[in-house]
Amino acid sequence: MPATAPLDTSAAAHALATGRAAVLPNPSPLTYVVTATTPQAVNDAKGRPTGQEVALWVHDDTTWTDLATHLDLTPTARRAATTLLRDHLVTLLVPTRNDTPPPAWTTPALRDGHLLLFGARWQPLTPLLDRFPHLYVSSANRTGHAPAATAPEATAMFGPDIPVTDADTLRNTDTPQAATTMLRITRDGDLAHIRHGAQDQAHGSDPSRYLEHLREATAH
């Protein structure tokens, strides 16, 4: 498939429209993700308890803006969070306000007063994502297995009932692939490292080096 050819997301669109899960690609070095319009469908696809926490996929700018009034972030911290989600593609734990709790549809992503957010908006997926502004998302793996780094891996893991959008020709699968790095941001914009992942793997085993890199990147 040439790099300029659009992705065939028709099977994924049908699955999402009918309440089922689909596996979608991310740009390298991120692995594939499993997504759906309900958290139950994501957890069922992964073979884990229905009520387990999932992330909100805030790929839609309107959704992110709507959530802003419920997030306990200073304006500077909110700008940093936007950069981390859109440009650095991390998974981010963001504090919520006590006086204006987030809407009920965000509850599956709530952890100890923080929303678990993923904000990648990869251009090849834009036509599909625009159709589904509210999505739940998790790494494309079944319990006990590493996240799928390629479309064939995802297909083998999830079977024929969950469509996989193959974008391997658009991704550099020769580099090590990993799930997202997870961070937590405070009200004032300070960062804590929660989980190693694709974004920090180039900065060695010391998370502080990656956090310092991000502080510099989001300070402008």
N, C-alpha and C. Protein backbone atom coordinates (compact mmCIF):
# COMPACT_ATOMS: atom_id res chain seq x y z
N MET A 1 0.85 -1.19 0.00
CA MET A 1 0.00 0.00 0.00
C MET A 1 0.88 1.23 0.00
N PRO A 2 0.76 2.14 -0.93
CA PRO A 2 1.56 3.34 -0.95
C PRO A 2 1.29 4.20 0.27
N ALA A 3 2.27 5.01 0.65
CA ALA A 3 2.14 5.82 1.86
C ALA A 3 1.01 6.82 1.75
N THR A 4 0.63 7.17 0.52
CA THR A 4 -0.42 8.17 0.34
C THR A 4 -1.82 7.56 0.29
N ALA A 5 -1.91 6.23 0.25
CA ALA A 5 -3.21 5.59 0.17
C ALA A 5 -3.93 5.69 1.51
N PRO A 6 -5.25 5.96 1.49
CA PRO A 6 -5.98 6.02 2.76
C PRO A 6 -6.09 4.64 3.39
N LEU A 7 -6.20 4.63 4.70
CA LEU A 7 -6.39 3.37 5.40
C LEU A 7 -7.81 2.86 5.16
N ASP A 8 -7.93 1.55 5.07
CA ASP A 8 -9.25 0.94 4.96
C ASP A 8 -9.77 0.72 6.38
N THR A 9 -10.60 1.64 6.84
CA THR A 9 -11.15 1.55 8.19
C THR A 9 -12.62 1.15 8.18
N SER A 10 -13.11 0.63 7.07
CA SER A 10 -14.54 0.33 6.96
C SER A 10 -14.98 -0.72 7.97
N ALA A 11 -14.18 -1.76 8.16
CA ALA A 11 -14.56 -2.81 9.12
C ALA A 11 -14.54 -2.26 10.54
N ALA A 12 -13.54 -1.42 10.85
CA ALA A 12 -13.48 -0.81 12.17
C ALA A 12 -14.67 0.11 12.41
N ALA A 13 -15.03 0.89 11.40
CA ALA A 13 -16.16 1.81 11.53
C ALA A 13 -17.46 1.05 11.80
N HIS A 14 -17.65 -0.06 11.09
CA HIS A 14 -18.86 -0.86 11.29
C HIS A 14 -18.88 -1.44 12.71
N ALA A 15 -17.73 -1.93 13.17
CA ALA A 15 -17.67 -2.49 14.52
C ALA A 15 -17.99 -1.42 15.56
N LEU A 16 -17.38 -0.26 15.44
CA LEU A 16 -17.63 0.79 16.42
C LEU A 16 -19.07 1.27 16.40
N ALA A 17 -19.64 1.36 15.21
CA ALA A 17 -21.03 1.82 15.08
C ALA A 17 -22.02 0.84 15.68
N THR A 18 -21.63 -0.42 15.77
CA THR A 18 -22.53 -1.44 16.31
C THR A 18 -22.15 -1.84 17.73
N GLY A 19 -21.29 -1.04 18.37
CA GLY A 19 -20.97 -1.27 19.78
C GLY A 19 -19.89 -2.29 20.05
N ARG A 20 -19.20 -2.71 19.00
CA ARG A 20 -18.14 -3.70 19.18
C ARG A 20 -16.77 -3.01 19.20
N ALA A 21 -15.77 -3.77 19.58
CA ALA A 21 -14.41 -3.24 19.65
C ALA A 21 -13.71 -3.36 18.30
N ALA A 22 -12.71 -2.54 18.10
CA ALA A 22 -11.85 -2.59 16.92
C ALA A 22 -10.42 -2.32 17.36
N VAL A 23 -9.48 -2.86 16.60
CA VAL A 23 -8.06 -2.62 16.87
C VAL A 23 -7.55 -1.62 15.85
N LEU A 24 -6.93 -0.55 16.34
CA LEU A 24 -6.46 0.52 15.47
C LEU A 24 -4.97 0.75 15.66
N PRO A 25 -4.33 1.30 14.63
CA PRO A 25 -2.88 1.54 14.71
C PRO A 25 -2.56 2.88 15.34
N ASN A 26 -1.32 3.01 15.74
CA ASN A 26 -0.73 4.28 16.17
C ASN A 26 0.55 4.48 15.39
N PRO A 27 1.06 5.70 15.34
CA PRO A 27 2.38 5.89 14.73
C PRO A 27 3.46 5.22 15.57
N SER A 28 4.51 4.73 14.92
CA SER A 28 5.63 4.16 15.65
C SER A 28 6.25 5.24 16.54
N PRO A 29 6.76 4.83 17.72
CA PRO A 29 6.98 3.45 18.18
C PRO A 29 5.86 2.91 19.05
N LEU A 30 4.65 3.47 18.94
CA LEU A 30 3.54 2.98 19.74
C LEU A 30 2.96 1.70 19.13
N THR A 31 2.48 0.83 19.99
CA THR A 31 1.81 -0.38 19.55
C THR A 31 0.37 -0.07 19.15
N TYR A 32 -0.34 -1.09 18.69
CA TYR A 32 -1.76 -0.95 18.35
C TYR A 32 -2.58 -0.80 19.64
N VAL A 33 -3.80 -0.28 19.48
CA VAL A 33 -4.73 -0.14 20.60
C VAL A 33 -6.06 -0.80 20.25
N VAL A 34 -6.82 -1.15 21.30
CA VAL A 34 -8.18 -1.64 21.11
C VAL A 34 -9.11 -0.57 21.64
N THR A 35 -10.15 -0.27 20.86
CA THR A 35 -11.03 0.84 21.21
C THR A 35 -12.48 0.45 20.94
N ALA A 36 -13.38 1.20 21.59
CA ALA A 36 -14.82 0.97 21.41
C ALA A 36 -15.55 2.17 21.98
N THR A 37 -16.85 2.24 21.70
CA THR A 37 -17.67 3.33 22.22
C THR A 37 -18.16 3.03 23.63
N THR A 38 -17.90 1.84 24.14
CA THR A 38 -18.22 1.51 25.53
C THR A 38 -16.99 0.88 26.18
N PRO A 39 -16.78 1.10 27.48
CA PRO A 39 -15.66 0.46 28.15
C PRO A 39 -15.82 -1.05 28.24
N GLN A 40 -17.07 -1.51 28.31
CA GLN A 40 -17.30 -2.95 28.40
C GLN A 40 -16.77 -3.68 27.18
N ALA A 41 -16.97 -3.10 26.00
CA ALA A 41 -16.50 -3.75 24.77
C ALA A 41 -14.98 -3.83 24.74
N VAL A 42 -14.31 -2.79 25.24
CA VAL A 42 -12.84 -2.83 25.30
C VAL A 42 -12.38 -3.94 26.23
N ASN A 43 -12.96 -4.00 27.43
CA ASN A 43 -12.54 -5.01 28.39
C ASN A 43 -12.89 -6.42 27.94
N ASP A 44 -14.05 -6.59 27.31
CA ASP A 44 -14.42 -7.91 26.79
C ASP A 44 -13.42 -8.37 25.73
N ALA A 45 -13.01 -7.45 24.86
CA ALA A 45 -12.04 -7.81 23.82
C ALA A 45 -10.72 -8.24 24.42
N LYS A 46 -10.33 -7.61 25.52
CA LYS A 46 -9.06 -7.92 26.17
C LYS A 46 -9.15 -9.14 27.08
N GLY A 47 -10.38 -9.64 27.31
CA GLY A 47 -10.55 -10.80 28.17
C GLY A 47 -10.30 -10.50 29.63
N ARG A 48 -10.72 -9.32 30.08
CA ARG A 48 -10.51 -8.95 31.47
C ARG A 48 -11.84 -8.48 32.07
N PRO A 49 -11.93 -8.28 33.38
CA PRO A 49 -13.20 -7.91 34.01
C PRO A 49 -13.86 -6.70 33.36
N THR A 50 -15.18 -6.78 33.23
CA THR A 50 -15.94 -5.75 32.53
C THR A 50 -15.74 -4.37 33.12
N GLY A 51 -15.62 -4.28 34.43
CA GLY A 51 -15.53 -2.99 35.08
C GLY A 51 -14.13 -2.44 35.22
N GLN A 52 -13.14 -3.09 34.63
CA GLN A 52 -11.78 -2.60 34.78
C GLN A 52 -11.60 -1.25 34.10
N GLU A 53 -10.75 -0.43 34.70
CA GLU A 53 -10.49 0.93 34.19
C GLU A 53 -9.95 0.90 32.76
N VAL A 54 -10.42 1.86 31.96
CA VAL A 54 -9.91 2.09 30.61
C VAL A 54 -9.63 3.58 30.45
N ALA A 55 -8.88 3.93 29.44
CA ALA A 55 -8.59 5.35 29.19
C ALA A 55 -9.65 5.96 28.29
N LEU A 56 -9.84 7.26 28.43
CA LEU A 56 -10.63 8.02 27.47
C LEU A 56 -9.72 8.45 26.33
N TRP A 57 -10.19 8.27 25.11
CA TRP A 57 -9.42 8.69 23.94
C TRP A 57 -9.92 10.09 23.55
N VAL A 58 -9.24 11.12 24.05
CA VAL A 58 -9.67 12.50 23.80
C VAL A 58 -9.00 13.04 22.53
N HIS A 59 -9.26 12.36 21.43
CA HIS A 59 -8.69 12.76 20.14
C HIS A 59 -9.42 13.96 19.56
N ASP A 60 -10.64 14.21 20.05
CA ASP A 60 -11.48 15.27 19.50
C ASP A 60 -11.28 16.54 20.33
N ASP A 61 -10.96 17.65 19.66
CA ASP A 61 -10.69 18.90 20.37
C ASP A 61 -11.89 19.38 21.17
N THR A 62 -13.08 19.15 20.66
CA THR A 62 -14.28 19.57 21.38
C THR A 62 -14.42 18.80 22.69
N THR A 63 -14.15 17.51 22.64
CA THR A 63 -14.21 16.70 23.87
C THR A 63 -13.21 17.20 24.89
N TRP A 64 -12.01 17.50 24.46
CA TRP A 64 -10.98 18.01 25.35
C TRP A 64 -11.41 19.35 25.94
N THR A 65 -11.99 20.22 25.13
CA THR A 65 -12.46 21.51 25.62
C THR A 65 -13.60 21.34 26.62
N ASP A 66 -14.52 20.41 26.33
CA ASP A 66 -15.64 20.16 27.24
C ASP A 66 -15.16 19.65 28.60
N LEU A 67 -14.09 18.88 28.61
CA LEU A 67 -13.56 18.35 29.86
C LEU A 67 -12.82 19.40 30.68
N ALA A 68 -12.40 20.48 30.03
CA ALA A 68 -11.51 21.45 30.68
C ALA A 68 -12.09 22.00 31.96
N THR A 69 -13.40 22.26 31.99
CA THR A 69 -14.00 22.86 33.18
C THR A 69 -14.04 21.88 34.36
N HIS A 70 -13.81 20.61 34.09
CA HIS A 70 -13.84 19.59 35.14
C HIS A 70 -12.43 19.19 35.61
N LEU A 71 -11.41 19.74 34.98
CA LEU A 71 -10.04 19.37 35.30
C LEU A 71 -9.40 20.40 36.22
N ASP A 72 -8.71 19.92 37.22
CA ASP A 72 -8.07 20.81 38.19
C ASP A 72 -6.66 21.14 37.71
N LEU A 73 -6.61 22.01 36.69
CA LEU A 73 -5.35 22.42 36.09
C LEU A 73 -5.31 23.93 35.96
N THR A 74 -4.17 24.52 36.22
CA THR A 74 -3.99 25.94 35.90
C THR A 74 -3.95 26.08 34.38
N PRO A 75 -4.15 27.29 33.86
CA PRO A 75 -4.07 27.46 32.40
C PRO A 75 -2.74 26.99 31.81
N THR A 76 -1.66 27.24 32.51
CA THR A 76 -0.34 26.80 32.02
C THR A 76 -0.25 25.28 32.02
N ALA A 77 -0.76 24.65 33.08
CA ALA A 77 -0.73 23.19 33.15
C ALA A 77 -1.63 22.57 32.09
N ARG A 78 -2.75 23.23 31.80
CA ARG A 78 -3.64 22.70 30.76
C ARG A 78 -2.96 22.74 29.39
N ARG A 79 -2.24 23.82 29.12
CA ARG A 79 -1.51 23.88 27.85
C ARG A 79 -0.45 22.79 27.78
N ALA A 80 0.23 22.54 28.90
CA ALA A 80 1.23 21.47 28.94
C ALA A 80 0.57 20.11 28.72
N ALA A 81 -0.59 19.90 29.34
CA ALA A 81 -1.30 18.63 29.17
C ALA A 81 -1.70 18.42 27.71
N THR A 82 -2.16 19.48 27.06
CA THR A 82 -2.52 19.38 25.64
C THR A 82 -1.32 18.96 24.80
N THR A 83 -0.18 19.56 25.07
CA THR A 83 1.05 19.21 24.33
C THR A 83 1.45 17.77 24.60
N LEU A 84 1.36 17.34 25.84
CA LEU A 84 1.74 15.97 26.18
C LEU A 84 0.83 14.96 25.48
N LEU A 85 -0.46 15.25 25.43
CA LEU A 85 -1.40 14.32 24.82
C LEU A 85 -1.32 14.32 23.30
N ARG A 86 -1.25 15.50 22.69
CA ARG A 86 -1.30 15.60 21.24
C ARG A 86 0.06 15.36 20.57
N ASP A 87 1.10 15.94 21.14
CA ASP A 87 2.41 15.90 20.47
C ASP A 87 3.31 14.78 20.99
N HIS A 88 3.25 14.51 22.28
CA HIS A 88 4.13 13.48 22.85
C HIS A 88 3.42 12.13 23.00
N LEU A 89 2.11 12.12 22.82
CA LEU A 89 1.32 10.89 22.72
C LEU A 89 1.39 10.00 23.95
N VAL A 90 1.60 10.62 25.12
CA VAL A 90 1.62 9.84 26.35
C VAL A 90 0.19 9.54 26.80
N THR A 91 0.07 8.60 27.73
CA THR A 91 -1.16 8.44 28.48
C THR A 91 -1.00 9.26 29.76
N LEU A 92 -2.01 10.05 30.10
CA LEU A 92 -1.84 11.06 31.14
C LEU A 92 -2.96 10.98 32.18
N LEU A 93 -2.57 10.92 33.44
CA LEU A 93 -3.50 11.02 34.55
C LEU A 93 -3.64 12.50 34.92
N VAL A 94 -4.86 13.02 34.80
CA VAL A 94 -5.11 14.45 34.97
C VAL A 94 -6.07 14.65 36.14
N PRO A 95 -5.75 15.53 37.11
CA PRO A 95 -6.62 15.70 38.28
C PRO A 95 -7.95 16.35 37.92
N THR A 96 -9.00 15.90 38.60
CA THR A 96 -10.33 16.47 38.40
C THR A 96 -10.70 17.38 39.57
N ARG A 97 -11.64 18.27 39.32
CA ARG A 97 -12.10 19.21 40.34
C ARG A 97 -13.16 18.56 41.22
N ASN A 98 -13.14 18.91 42.51
CA ASN A 98 -14.13 18.38 43.43
C ASN A 98 -15.48 19.08 43.29
N ASP A 99 -15.46 20.36 42.89
CA ASP A 99 -16.70 21.12 42.84
C ASP A 99 -17.48 20.92 41.55
N THR A 100 -16.79 20.49 40.49
CA THR A 100 -17.48 20.21 39.22
C THR A 100 -17.00 18.85 38.70
N PRO A 101 -17.53 17.76 39.27
CA PRO A 101 -17.07 16.44 38.86
C PRO A 101 -17.32 16.20 37.37
N PRO A 102 -16.46 15.39 36.75
CA PRO A 102 -16.61 15.13 35.31
C PRO A 102 -17.89 14.36 35.02
N PRO A 103 -18.37 14.41 33.78
CA PRO A 103 -19.62 13.73 33.42
C PRO A 103 -19.52 12.22 33.60
N ALA A 104 -20.69 11.59 33.71
CA ALA A 104 -20.75 10.16 34.03
C ALA A 104 -20.01 9.30 33.01
N TRP A 105 -19.98 9.72 31.74
CA TRP A 105 -19.35 8.87 30.73
C TRP A 105 -17.84 8.77 30.91
N THR A 106 -17.27 9.64 31.77
CA THR A 106 -15.83 9.58 32.03
C THR A 106 -15.48 8.64 33.18
N THR A 107 -16.48 8.18 33.93
CA THR A 107 -16.24 7.38 35.13
C THR A 107 -15.34 6.16 34.88
N PRO A 108 -15.47 5.44 33.76
CA PRO A 108 -14.59 4.29 33.54
C PRO A 108 -13.11 4.63 33.46
N ALA A 109 -12.79 5.91 33.32
CA ALA A 109 -11.40 6.34 33.23
C ALA A 109 -10.92 7.03 34.50
N LEU A 110 -11.75 7.01 35.55
CA LEU A 110 -11.42 7.75 36.77
C LEU A 110 -10.63 6.87 37.73
N ARG A 111 -9.50 7.41 38.19
CA ARG A 111 -8.64 6.69 39.13
C ARG A 111 -8.16 7.67 40.21
N ASP A 112 -8.64 7.48 41.43
CA ASP A 112 -8.18 8.28 42.56
C ASP A 112 -8.20 9.77 42.26
N GLY A 113 -9.33 10.26 41.74
CA GLY A 113 -9.46 11.67 41.48
C GLY A 113 -8.74 12.16 40.24
N HIS A 114 -8.31 11.24 39.38
CA HIS A 114 -7.63 11.60 38.13
C HIS A 114 -8.31 10.87 36.97
N LEU A 115 -8.40 11.54 35.83
CA LEU A 115 -8.87 10.91 34.60
C LEU A 115 -7.68 10.38 33.81
N LEU A 116 -7.82 9.15 33.33
CA LEU A 116 -6.78 8.54 32.49
C LEU A 116 -7.09 8.86 31.04
N LEU A 117 -6.22 9.65 30.41
CA LEU A 117 -6.49 10.17 29.08
C LEU A 117 -5.42 9.77 28.08
N PHE A 118 -5.86 9.53 26.84
CA PHE A 118 -4.98 9.28 25.70
C PHE A 118 -5.44 10.21 24.60
N GLY A 119 -4.50 10.93 23.96
CA GLY A 119 -4.93 11.98 23.05
C GLY A 119 -4.36 11.95 21.65
N ALA A 120 -3.79 10.82 21.22
CA ALA A 120 -3.21 10.75 19.88
C ALA A 120 -4.27 11.01 18.81
N ARG A 121 -3.90 11.76 17.81
CA ARG A 121 -4.79 12.00 16.66
C ARG A 121 -3.95 11.85 15.40
N TRP A 122 -3.69 10.59 15.04
CA TRP A 122 -2.83 10.28 13.91
C TRP A 122 -3.59 10.58 12.63
N GLN A 123 -2.97 11.33 11.73
CA GLN A 123 -3.66 11.81 10.54
C GLN A 123 -4.32 10.69 9.71
N PRO A 124 -3.69 9.55 9.49
CA PRO A 124 -4.37 8.51 8.70
C PRO A 124 -5.68 8.03 9.30
N LEU A 125 -5.87 8.22 10.60
CA LEU A 125 -7.10 7.76 11.25
C LEU A 125 -8.15 8.86 11.39
N THR A 126 -7.82 10.07 10.99
CA THR A 126 -8.70 11.21 11.22
C THR A 126 -10.12 11.00 10.70
N PRO A 127 -10.33 10.51 9.48
CA PRO A 127 -11.71 10.34 9.00
C PRO A 127 -12.53 9.40 9.90
N LEU A 128 -11.89 8.37 10.40
CA LEU A 128 -12.61 7.45 11.29
C LEU A 128 -12.86 8.10 12.65
N LEU A 129 -11.83 8.70 13.24
CA LEU A 129 -11.97 9.28 14.57
C LEU A 129 -13.02 10.38 14.60
N ASP A 130 -13.12 11.14 13.52
CA ASP A 130 -14.10 12.21 13.48
C ASP A 130 -15.54 11.70 13.59
N ARG A 131 -15.75 10.46 13.24
CA ARG A 131 -17.09 9.88 13.33
C ARG A 131 -17.43 9.44 14.75
N PHE A 132 -16.41 9.27 15.59
CA PHE A 132 -16.63 8.72 16.92
C PHE A 132 -15.89 9.57 17.96
N PRO A 133 -16.48 10.69 18.35
CA PRO A 133 -15.76 11.60 19.25
C PRO A 133 -15.55 11.05 20.65
N HIS A 134 -16.42 10.12 21.11
CA HIS A 134 -16.28 9.54 22.44
C HIS A 134 -15.86 8.07 22.31
N LEU A 135 -14.60 7.81 22.61
CA LEU A 135 -14.08 6.45 22.54
C LEU A 135 -13.32 6.11 23.83
N TYR A 136 -13.36 4.83 24.17
CA TYR A 136 -12.54 4.29 25.25
C TYR A 136 -11.43 3.47 24.62
N VAL A 137 -10.28 3.38 25.27
CA VAL A 137 -9.12 2.79 24.61
C VAL A 137 -8.20 2.13 25.61
N SER A 138 -7.50 1.11 25.14
CA SER A 138 -6.50 0.42 25.94
C SER A 138 -5.50 -0.22 24.99
N SER A 139 -4.39 -0.66 25.51
CA SER A 139 -3.39 -1.34 24.68
C SER A 139 -3.99 -2.57 24.03
N ALA A 140 -3.56 -2.87 22.81
CA ALA A 140 -4.10 -4.01 22.06
C ALA A 140 -3.42 -5.30 22.51
N ASN A 141 -3.87 -5.78 23.66
CA ASN A 141 -3.35 -7.06 24.14
C ASN A 141 -4.40 -7.75 25.00
N ARG A 142 -4.33 -9.05 25.00
CA ARG A 142 -5.11 -9.82 25.95
C ARG A 142 -4.28 -9.99 27.23
N THR A 143 -4.96 -10.21 28.33
CA THR A 143 -4.29 -10.30 29.63
C THR A 143 -3.14 -11.29 29.59
N GLY A 144 -1.98 -10.84 30.03
CA GLY A 144 -0.81 -11.70 30.08
C GLY A 144 0.05 -11.67 28.85
N HIS A 145 -0.36 -10.93 27.82
CA HIS A 145 0.40 -10.84 26.58
C HIS A 145 0.88 -9.40 26.36
N ALA A 146 1.97 -9.26 25.64
CA ALA A 146 2.48 -7.94 25.29
C ALA A 146 1.56 -7.30 24.24
N PRO A 147 1.45 -5.97 24.22
CA PRO A 147 0.63 -5.30 23.20
C PRO A 147 1.11 -5.62 21.79
N ALA A 148 0.17 -5.72 20.86
CA ALA A 148 0.49 -6.06 19.48
C ALA A 148 1.26 -4.94 18.80
N ALA A 149 2.42 -5.27 18.25
CA ALA A 149 3.26 -4.29 17.56
C ALA A 149 2.97 -4.22 16.07
N THR A 150 2.31 -5.24 15.52
CA THR A 150 1.98 -5.28 14.10
C THR A 150 0.55 -5.77 13.93
N ALA A 151 0.01 -5.54 12.74
CA ALA A 151 -1.35 -5.99 12.45
C ALA A 151 -1.48 -7.52 12.52
N PRO A 152 -0.53 -8.30 11.96
CA PRO A 152 -0.66 -9.75 12.11
C PRO A 152 -0.65 -10.21 13.56
N GLU A 153 0.15 -9.56 14.39
CA GLU A 153 0.14 -9.91 15.81
C GLU A 153 -1.22 -9.64 16.43
N ALA A 154 -1.81 -8.50 16.09
CA ALA A 154 -3.12 -8.15 16.62
C ALA A 154 -4.19 -9.13 16.16
N THR A 155 -4.14 -9.49 14.88
CA THR A 155 -5.13 -10.43 14.35
C THR A 155 -5.02 -11.79 15.02
N ALA A 156 -3.80 -12.25 15.23
CA ALA A 156 -3.59 -13.54 15.89
C ALA A 156 -4.07 -13.50 17.34
N MET A 157 -3.91 -12.36 17.99
CA MET A 157 -4.27 -12.25 19.39
C MET A 157 -5.78 -12.13 19.60
N PHE A 158 -6.44 -11.34 18.74
CA PHE A 158 -7.85 -11.03 18.97
C PHE A 158 -8.82 -11.88 18.14
N GLY A 159 -8.33 -12.55 17.12
CA GLY A 159 -9.20 -13.42 16.35
C GLY A 159 -10.03 -12.69 15.32
N PRO A 160 -10.86 -13.43 14.57
CA PRO A 160 -11.57 -12.86 13.42
C PRO A 160 -12.74 -11.95 13.77
N ASP A 161 -13.21 -11.98 15.01
CA ASP A 161 -14.40 -11.20 15.35
C ASP A 161 -14.10 -9.74 15.67
N ILE A 162 -12.83 -9.40 15.85
CA ILE A 162 -12.46 -8.03 16.15
C ILE A 162 -11.60 -7.50 15.01
N PRO A 163 -12.11 -6.57 14.21
CA PRO A 163 -11.36 -6.10 13.03
C PRO A 163 -10.10 -5.35 13.42
N VAL A 164 -9.06 -5.55 12.63
CA VAL A 164 -7.77 -4.88 12.82
C VAL A 164 -7.50 -4.01 11.60
N THR A 165 -7.30 -2.73 11.80
CA THR A 165 -6.93 -1.84 10.70
C THR A 165 -5.42 -1.90 10.52
N ASP A 166 -4.99 -2.44 9.40
CA ASP A 166 -3.57 -2.68 9.13
C ASP A 166 -2.93 -1.41 8.58
N ALA A 167 -1.99 -0.86 9.36
CA ALA A 167 -1.24 0.33 8.91
C ALA A 167 0.26 0.09 8.97
N ASP A 168 0.67 -1.17 8.89
CA ASP A 168 2.08 -1.49 9.07
C ASP A 168 2.96 -0.85 7.99
N THR A 169 2.42 -0.65 6.79
CA THR A 169 3.23 -0.03 5.74
C THR A 169 3.44 1.47 5.98
N LEU A 170 2.66 2.04 6.89
CA LEU A 170 2.82 3.46 7.22
C LEU A 170 3.65 3.65 8.49
N ARG A 171 4.02 2.56 9.13
CA ARG A 171 4.71 2.63 10.40
C ARG A 171 6.10 2.01 10.28
N ASN A 172 7.04 2.50 11.06
CA ASN A 172 8.38 1.94 11.08
C ASN A 172 8.44 0.81 12.10
N THR A 173 8.06 -0.38 11.66
CA THR A 173 8.01 -1.51 12.57
C THR A 173 9.38 -2.15 12.80
N ASP A 174 10.43 -1.57 12.20
CA ASP A 174 11.78 -2.07 12.47
C ASP A 174 12.31 -1.56 13.80
N THR A 175 11.70 -0.50 14.34
CA THR A 175 12.12 0.02 15.64
C THR A 175 11.34 -0.68 16.75
N PRO A 176 11.88 -0.72 17.97
CA PRO A 176 11.15 -1.35 19.08
C PRO A 176 9.82 -0.65 19.32
N GLN A 177 8.76 -1.44 19.42
CA GLN A 177 7.42 -0.90 19.65
C GLN A 177 7.02 -1.16 21.10
N ALA A 178 6.27 -0.25 21.68
CA ALA A 178 5.83 -0.41 23.06
C ALA A 178 4.55 0.36 23.28
N ALA A 179 3.85 0.02 24.34
CA ALA A 179 2.68 0.79 24.74
C ALA A 179 3.13 2.17 25.23
N THR A 180 2.17 3.05 25.43
CA THR A 180 2.51 4.43 25.79
C THR A 180 3.14 4.53 27.17
N THR A 181 3.99 5.53 27.31
CA THR A 181 4.45 5.93 28.63
C THR A 181 3.28 6.59 29.37
N MET A 182 3.14 6.28 30.66
CA MET A 182 2.08 6.89 31.45
C MET A 182 2.68 7.88 32.44
N LEU A 183 2.10 9.08 32.48
CA LEU A 183 2.52 10.13 33.39
C LEU A 183 1.33 10.63 34.19
N ARG A 184 1.63 11.31 35.29
CA ARG A 184 0.60 12.03 36.04
C ARG A 184 1.01 13.49 36.11
N ILE A 185 0.07 14.39 35.86
CA ILE A 185 0.32 15.82 35.94
C ILE A 185 -0.43 16.40 37.12
N THR A 186 0.20 17.33 37.84
CA THR A 186 -0.44 17.97 38.98
C THR A 186 -1.16 19.24 38.52
N ARG A 187 -1.88 19.84 39.43
CA ARG A 187 -2.62 21.06 39.12
C ARG A 187 -1.70 22.14 38.56
N ASP A 188 -0.50 22.24 39.07
CA ASP A 188 0.44 23.28 38.64
C ASP A 188 1.36 22.83 37.50
N GLY A 189 1.16 21.62 37.01
CA GLY A 189 1.92 21.18 35.85
C GLY A 189 3.14 20.33 36.13
N ASP A 190 3.38 19.99 37.40
CA ASP A 190 4.51 19.10 37.69
C ASP A 190 4.16 17.70 37.18
N LEU A 191 5.18 16.93 36.84
CA LEU A 191 4.97 15.62 36.23
C LEU A 191 5.56 14.51 37.09
N ALA A 192 4.87 13.37 37.11
CA ALA A 192 5.38 12.16 37.75
C ALA A 192 5.31 11.03 36.74
N HIS A 193 6.31 10.17 36.76
CA HIS A 193 6.40 9.04 35.86
C HIS A 193 5.69 7.85 36.50
N ILE A 194 4.70 7.27 35.80
CA ILE A 194 3.93 6.17 36.34
C ILE A 194 4.29 4.83 35.70
N ARG A 195 4.51 4.82 34.39
CA ARG A 195 4.78 3.56 33.68
C ARG A 195 5.73 3.81 32.52
N HIS A 196 6.75 2.96 32.42
CA HIS A 196 7.65 3.03 31.27
C HIS A 196 6.89 2.67 29.99
N GLY A 197 7.34 3.23 28.87
CA GLY A 197 6.68 2.94 27.61
C GLY A 197 7.48 3.43 26.43
N ALA A 198 6.81 3.57 25.30
CA ALA A 198 7.48 3.87 24.04
C ALA A 198 8.21 5.21 24.06
N GLN A 199 7.61 6.20 24.70
CA GLN A 199 8.18 7.54 24.60
C GLN A 199 9.45 7.72 25.44
N ASP A 200 9.56 7.04 26.56
CA ASP A 200 10.73 7.26 27.42
C ASP A 200 11.85 6.25 27.18
N GLN A 201 11.63 5.27 26.28
CA GLN A 201 12.63 4.22 26.12
C GLN A 201 13.94 4.73 25.55
N ALA A 202 13.91 5.87 24.86
CA ALA A 202 15.14 6.44 24.31
C ALA A 202 15.94 7.24 25.34
N HIS A 203 15.37 7.40 26.54
CA HIS A 203 16.01 8.22 27.57
C HIS A 203 16.63 7.39 28.68
N GLY A 204 16.77 6.09 28.47
CA GLY A 204 17.40 5.23 29.46
C GLY A 204 16.44 4.80 30.55
N SER A 205 16.98 4.15 31.55
CA SER A 205 16.14 3.56 32.60
C SER A 205 15.76 4.55 33.69
N ASP A 206 16.34 5.75 33.70
CA ASP A 206 16.05 6.74 34.72
C ASP A 206 14.93 7.65 34.24
N PRO A 207 13.72 7.54 34.82
CA PRO A 207 12.59 8.36 34.36
C PRO A 207 12.84 9.85 34.48
N SER A 208 13.71 10.26 35.40
CA SER A 208 13.92 11.70 35.60
C SER A 208 14.49 12.36 34.35
N ARG A 209 15.26 11.62 33.57
CA ARG A 209 15.82 12.19 32.33
C ARG A 209 14.70 12.50 31.34
N TYR A 210 13.75 11.61 31.24
CA TYR A 210 12.62 11.85 30.33
C TYR A 210 11.75 12.99 30.83
N LEU A 211 11.51 13.03 32.14
CA LEU A 211 10.69 14.10 32.69
C LEU A 211 11.34 15.46 32.48
N GLU A 212 12.65 15.54 32.62
CA GLU A 212 13.35 16.79 32.38
C GLU A 212 13.22 17.21 30.92
N HIS A 213 13.31 16.24 30.03
CA HIS A 213 13.12 16.52 28.59
C HIS A 213 11.73 17.09 28.35
N LEU A 214 10.71 16.53 28.99
CA LEU A 214 9.35 17.00 28.78
C LEU A 214 9.14 18.39 29.39
N ARG A 215 9.72 18.63 30.54
CA ARG A 215 9.58 19.95 31.16
C ARG A 215 10.14 21.03 30.24
N GLU A 216 11.25 20.75 29.62
CA GLU A 216 11.83 21.71 28.69
C GLU A 216 10.95 21.86 27.46
N ALA A 217 10.40 20.74 26.97
CA ALA A 217 9.60 20.78 25.74
C ALA A 217 8.28 21.51 25.94
N THR A 218 7.71 21.43 27.14
CA THR A 218 6.40 22.04 27.38
C THR A 218 6.50 23.41 28.03
N ALA A 219 7.70 23.90 28.24
CA ALA A 219 7.89 25.20 28.89
C ALA A 219 7.73 26.36 27.93
N HIS A 220 7.67 26.07 26.62
CA HIS A 220 7.64 27.14 25.62
C HIS A 220 6.23 27.34 25.08
